[in-house]
């Protein structure tokens, strides 16, 4: 299986920050900063996913305790704005509350990508992409991590 290298262009970085920070601004939170170390770790994991064809979160310890959002879709069919937009669109099910009781559906996983983006303590993000013959993989890493039980979000 052939793997295409991860994206690390300034345009990609700016787009990631713009989408994340627009979502955070809507709920009155300061913007995130780009973290090159997180982006490098995300690139390594995106390449691992693309190479293996698996789609699962890295173990918490393997991501150094950082938060993680993942996306996978048909190679070359979706722009980064769409990929990240799927995370942000989860806000339609979000309700302010104490995590994990933050979803109108009763299942926090229906809003988990979005809550990580708007997590109040999160200050940094780094994302990367990799592709194989059939799929694109987007990995975003966040520090400090979000989606911690007992914390109010929103």
C-alpha atoms as a PDB file:
ATOM      1  CA  UNK A   1       0.000   0.000   0.000  1.00  0.00           C
ATOM      2  CA  UNK A   2       1.490   3.317  -1.075  1.00  0.00           C
ATOM      3  CA  UNK A   3       1.362   6.194   1.403  1.00  0.00           C
ATOM      4  CA  UNK A   4       1.498   9.851   0.436  1.00  0.00           C
ATOM      5  CA  UNK A   5       3.331  12.134   2.846  1.00  0.00           C
ATOM      6  CA  UNK A   6       1.599  14.384   5.356  1.00  0.00           C
ATOM      7  CA  UNK A   7       0.666  17.969   4.554  1.00  0.00           C
ATOM      8  CA  UNK A   8       2.621  20.637   6.434  1.00  0.00           C
ATOM      9  CA  UNK A   9       2.191  23.748   4.294  1.00  0.00           C
ATOM     10  CA  UNK A  10       1.553  27.230   5.698  1.00  0.00           C
ATOM     11  CA  UNK A  11      -1.761  27.295   3.799  1.00  0.00           C
ATOM     12  CA  UNK A  12      -2.872  24.073   5.493  1.00  0.00           C
ATOM     13  CA  UNK A  13      -1.799  25.409   8.888  1.00  0.00           C
ATOM     14  CA  UNK A  14      -3.659  28.698   8.350  1.00  0.00           C
ATOM     15  CA  UNK A  15      -6.819  26.896   7.250  1.00  0.00           C
ATOM     16  CA  UNK A  16      -6.734  24.604  10.289  1.00  0.00           C
ATOM     17  CA  UNK A  17      -6.278  27.541  12.646  1.00  0.00           C
ATOM     18  CA  UNK A  18      -8.937  29.635  10.928  1.00  0.00           C
ATOM     19  CA  UNK A  19     -11.611  26.926  11.191  1.00  0.00           C
ATOM     20  CA  UNK A  20     -10.739  25.989  14.772  1.00  0.00           C
ATOM     21  CA  UNK A  21     -10.533  29.588  15.924  1.00  0.00           C
ATOM     22  CA  UNK A  22     -13.799  30.618  14.266  1.00  0.00           C
ATOM     23  CA  UNK A  23     -15.574  27.847  16.208  1.00  0.00           C
ATOM     24  CA  UNK A  24     -13.891  28.957  19.428  1.00  0.00           C
ATOM     25  CA  UNK A  25     -14.750  32.632  18.820  1.00  0.00           C
ATOM     26  CA  UNK A  26     -18.433  31.699  18.494  1.00  0.00           C
ATOM     27  CA  UNK A  27     -18.390  30.534  22.128  1.00  0.00           C
ATOM     28  CA  UNK A  28     -16.184  33.370  23.386  1.00  0.00           C
ATOM     29  CA  UNK A  29     -12.906  31.461  23.654  1.00  0.00           C
ATOM     30  CA  UNK A  30      -9.461  32.672  22.600  1.00  0.00           C
ATOM     31  CA  UNK A  31      -7.893  31.179  19.506  1.00  0.00           C
ATOM     32  CA  UNK A  32      -5.569  28.206  19.466  1.00  0.00           C
ATOM     33  CA  UNK A  33      -1.899  28.472  18.569  1.00  0.00           C
ATOM     34  CA  UNK A  34      -0.176  26.142  16.095  1.00  0.00           C
ATOM     35  CA  UNK A  35       2.153  23.657  17.763  1.00  0.00           C
ATOM     36  CA  UNK A  36       4.761  22.158  15.412  1.00  0.00           C
ATOM     37  CA  UNK A  37       5.455  19.244  17.761  1.00  0.00           C
ATOM     38  CA  UNK A  38       1.777  18.291  17.831  1.00  0.00           C
ATOM     39  CA  UNK A  39       1.672  18.603  14.032  1.00  0.00           C
ATOM     40  CA  UNK A  40       4.715  16.352  13.688  1.00  0.00           C
ATOM     41  CA  UNK A  41       3.165  13.746  15.986  1.00  0.00           C
ATOM     42  CA  UNK A  42      -0.094  14.015  14.029  1.00  0.00           C
ATOM     43  CA  UNK A  43       1.840  13.509  10.779  1.00  0.00           C
ATOM     44  CA  UNK A  44       3.490  10.379  12.122  1.00  0.00           C
ATOM     45  CA  UNK A  45       0.177   8.934  13.222  1.00  0.00           C
ATOM     46  CA  UNK A  46      -1.609   9.913   9.996  1.00  0.00           C
ATOM     47  CA  UNK A  47       1.101   8.084   8.044  1.00  0.00           C
ATOM     48  CA  UNK A  48       0.696   5.054  10.324  1.00  0.00           C
ATOM     49  CA  UNK A  49      -3.068   5.004   9.736  1.00  0.00           C
ATOM     50  CA  UNK A  50      -2.663   5.395   5.981  1.00  0.00           C
ATOM     51  CA  UNK A  51      -0.074   2.639   5.859  1.00  0.00           C
ATOM     52  CA  UNK A  52      -2.107   0.188   7.948  1.00  0.00           C
ATOM     53  CA  UNK A  53      -5.543   1.142   6.650  1.00  0.00           C
ATOM     54  CA  UNK A  54      -6.820   1.108  10.229  1.00  0.00           C
ATOM     55  CA  UNK A  55      -8.909   3.927  11.636  1.00  0.00           C
ATOM     56  CA  UNK A  56      -8.718   4.236  15.402  1.00  0.00           C
ATOM     57  CA  UNK A  57      -7.471   6.669  17.997  1.00  0.00           C
ATOM     58  CA  UNK A  58      -3.933   6.306  19.211  1.00  0.00           C
ATOM     59  CA  UNK A  59      -3.600   5.129  22.795  1.00  0.00           C
ATOM     60  CA  UNK A  60      -3.639   8.076  25.214  1.00  0.00           C
ATOM     61  CA  UNK A  61      -0.045   7.404  26.300  1.00  0.00           C
ATOM     62  CA  UNK A  62       1.112   7.099  22.677  1.00  0.00           C
ATOM     63  CA  UNK A  63      -0.168  10.620  22.043  1.00  0.00           C
ATOM     64  CA  UNK A  64       1.576  11.921  25.164  1.00  0.00           C
ATOM     65  CA  UNK A  65      -1.719  12.666  26.882  1.00  0.00           C
ATOM     66  CA  UNK A  66      -2.894  15.045  24.165  1.00  0.00           C
ATOM     67  CA  UNK A  67      -6.375  15.165  22.664  1.00  0.00           C
ATOM     68  CA  UNK A  68      -7.012  13.799  19.202  1.00  0.00           C
ATOM     69  CA  UNK A  69      -9.573  14.210  16.415  1.00  0.00           C
ATOM     70  CA  UNK A  70      -9.528  11.866  13.410  1.00  0.00           C
ATOM     71  CA  UNK A  71     -11.173  11.947   9.992  1.00  0.00           C
ATOM     72  CA  UNK A  72     -11.008   9.520   7.044  1.00  0.00           C
ATOM     73  CA  UNK A  73     -12.556   9.739   3.591  1.00  0.00           C
ATOM     74  CA  UNK A  74     -12.091   8.898  -0.061  1.00  0.00           C
ATOM     75  CA  UNK A  75      -8.733  10.144  -1.302  1.00  0.00           C
ATOM     76  CA  UNK A  76      -8.848  13.511  -3.007  1.00  0.00           C
ATOM     77  CA  UNK A  77     -12.617  13.930  -2.734  1.00  0.00           C
ATOM     78  CA  UNK A  78     -12.874  16.267   0.253  1.00  0.00           C
ATOM     79  CA  UNK A  79     -11.174  19.579   1.004  1.00  0.00           C
ATOM     80  CA  UNK A  80      -9.704  20.195   4.444  1.00  0.00           C
ATOM     81  CA  UNK A  81     -12.508  22.674   5.122  1.00  0.00           C
ATOM     82  CA  UNK A  82     -15.027  19.844   4.737  1.00  0.00           C
ATOM     83  CA  UNK A  83     -13.022  17.480   6.958  1.00  0.00           C
ATOM     84  CA  UNK A  84     -12.761  19.998   9.785  1.00  0.00           C
ATOM     85  CA  UNK A  85     -16.299  21.162   9.103  1.00  0.00           C
ATOM     86  CA  UNK A  86     -17.617  17.730  10.057  1.00  0.00           C
ATOM     87  CA  UNK A  87     -16.116  18.250  13.514  1.00  0.00           C
ATOM     88  CA  UNK A  88     -17.608  21.720  13.878  1.00  0.00           C
ATOM     89  CA  UNK A  89     -21.036  20.603  12.604  1.00  0.00           C
ATOM     90  CA  UNK A  90     -21.402  18.465  15.728  1.00  0.00           C
ATOM     91  CA  UNK A  91     -22.321  21.696  17.533  1.00  0.00           C
ATOM     92  CA  UNK A  92     -25.924  21.072  16.412  1.00  0.00           C
ATOM     93  CA  UNK A  93     -26.126  18.356  19.092  1.00  0.00           C
ATOM     94  CA  UNK A  94     -24.047  20.192  21.697  1.00  0.00           C
ATOM     95  CA  UNK A  95     -25.406  21.620  24.922  1.00  0.00           C
ATOM     96  CA  UNK A  96     -23.419  23.428  27.570  1.00  0.00           C
ATOM     97  CA  UNK A  97     -22.802  21.272  30.580  1.00  0.00           C
ATOM     98  CA  UNK A  98     -20.494  19.156  32.629  1.00  0.00           C
ATOM     99  CA  UNK A  99     -18.673  16.653  30.459  1.00  0.00           C
ATOM    100  CA  UNK A 100     -19.791  14.023  29.416  1.00  0.00           C
ATOM    101  CA  UNK A 101     -23.387  15.320  29.753  1.00  0.00           C
ATOM    102  CA  UNK A 102     -23.008  17.731  26.823  1.00  0.00           C
ATOM    103  CA  UNK A 103     -25.081  16.207  24.017  1.00  0.00           C
ATOM    104  CA  UNK A 104     -28.759  16.579  23.243  1.00  0.00           C
ATOM    105  CA  UNK A 105     -28.651  12.980  21.971  1.00  0.00           C
ATOM    106  CA  UNK A 106     -27.437  11.664  25.317  1.00  0.00           C
ATOM    107  CA  UNK A 107     -24.199  10.376  23.737  1.00  0.00           C
ATOM    108  CA  UNK A 108     -21.136  12.587  24.197  1.00  0.00           C
ATOM    109  CA  UNK A 109     -19.461  10.915  21.199  1.00  0.00           C
ATOM    110  CA  UNK A 110     -21.936  12.749  18.966  1.00  0.00           C
ATOM    111  CA  UNK A 111     -20.188  15.999  19.958  1.00  0.00           C
ATOM    112  CA  UNK A 112     -16.724  14.798  20.994  1.00  0.00           C
ATOM    113  CA  UNK A 113     -14.829  16.307  18.065  1.00  0.00           C
ATOM    114  CA  UNK A 114     -16.552  19.641  18.580  1.00  0.00           C
ATOM    115  CA  UNK A 115     -16.030  19.688  22.344  1.00  0.00           C
ATOM    116  CA  UNK A 116     -12.319  19.047  21.836  1.00  0.00           C
ATOM    117  CA  UNK A 117     -12.165  22.057  19.510  1.00  0.00           C
ATOM    118  CA  UNK A 118     -13.968  24.339  22.007  1.00  0.00           C
ATOM    119  CA  UNK A 119     -12.427  22.851  25.149  1.00  0.00           C
ATOM    120  CA  UNK A 120     -11.710  25.840  27.412  1.00  0.00           C
ATOM    121  CA  UNK A 121      -8.282  24.662  28.635  1.00  0.00           C
ATOM    122  CA  UNK A 122      -6.977  23.711  25.182  1.00  0.00           C
ATOM    123  CA  UNK A 123      -4.520  26.294  23.845  1.00  0.00           C
ATOM    124  CA  UNK A 124      -2.629  24.546  21.014  1.00  0.00           C
ATOM    125  CA  UNK A 125      -3.350  22.396  17.975  1.00  0.00           C
ATOM    126  CA  UNK A 126      -1.310  20.604  15.331  1.00  0.00           C
ATOM    127  CA  UNK A 127      -2.824  18.674  12.414  1.00  0.00           C
ATOM    128  CA  UNK A 128      -1.538  16.692   9.467  1.00  0.00           C
ATOM    129  CA  UNK A 129      -2.771  14.486   6.661  1.00  0.00           C
ATOM    130  CA  UNK A 130      -1.572  11.349   4.936  1.00  0.00           C
ATOM    131  CA  UNK A 131      -3.084   9.284   2.156  1.00  0.00           C
ATOM    132  CA  UNK A 132      -2.952   5.784   0.789  1.00  0.00           C
ATOM    133  CA  UNK A 133      -4.289   4.587  -2.560  1.00  0.00           C
ATOM    134  CA  UNK A 134      -7.921   4.907  -1.465  1.00  0.00           C
ATOM    135  CA  UNK A 135      -8.237   7.220   1.548  1.00  0.00           C
ATOM    136  CA  UNK A 136      -7.124  10.497   3.102  1.00  0.00           C
ATOM    137  CA  UNK A 137      -6.480  10.553   6.853  1.00  0.00           C
ATOM    138  CA  UNK A 138      -6.572  13.743   8.907  1.00  0.00           C
ATOM    139  CA  UNK A 139      -5.175  13.713  12.437  1.00  0.00           C
ATOM    140  CA  UNK A 140      -5.402  16.701  14.799  1.00  0.00           C
ATOM    141  CA  UNK A 141      -3.712  16.746  18.185  1.00  0.00           C
ATOM    142  CA  UNK A 142      -4.634  19.146  21.013  1.00  0.00           C
ATOM    143  CA  UNK A 143      -2.879  20.349  24.157  1.00  0.00           C
ATOM    144  CA  UNK A 144      -3.919  20.321  26.859  1.00  0.00           C
ATOM    145  CA  UNK A 145      -6.391  17.550  26.106  1.00  0.00           C
ATOM    146  CA  UNK A 146     -10.137  18.067  26.249  1.00  0.00           C
ATOM    147  CA  UNK A 147     -13.115  15.822  26.917  1.00  0.00           C
ATOM    148  CA  UNK A 148     -12.249  15.349  30.572  1.00  0.00           C
ATOM    149  CA  UNK A 149     -15.052  14.080  32.803  1.00  0.00           C
ATOM    150  CA  UNK A 150     -16.423  16.548  35.309  1.00  0.00           C
ATOM    151  CA  UNK A 151     -15.319  19.733  33.516  1.00  0.00           C
ATOM    152  CA  UNK A 152     -17.884  22.291  32.321  1.00  0.00           C
ATOM    153  CA  UNK A 153     -17.676  23.036  28.605  1.00  0.00           C
ATOM    154  CA  UNK A 154     -19.590  25.590  26.592  1.00  0.00           C
END
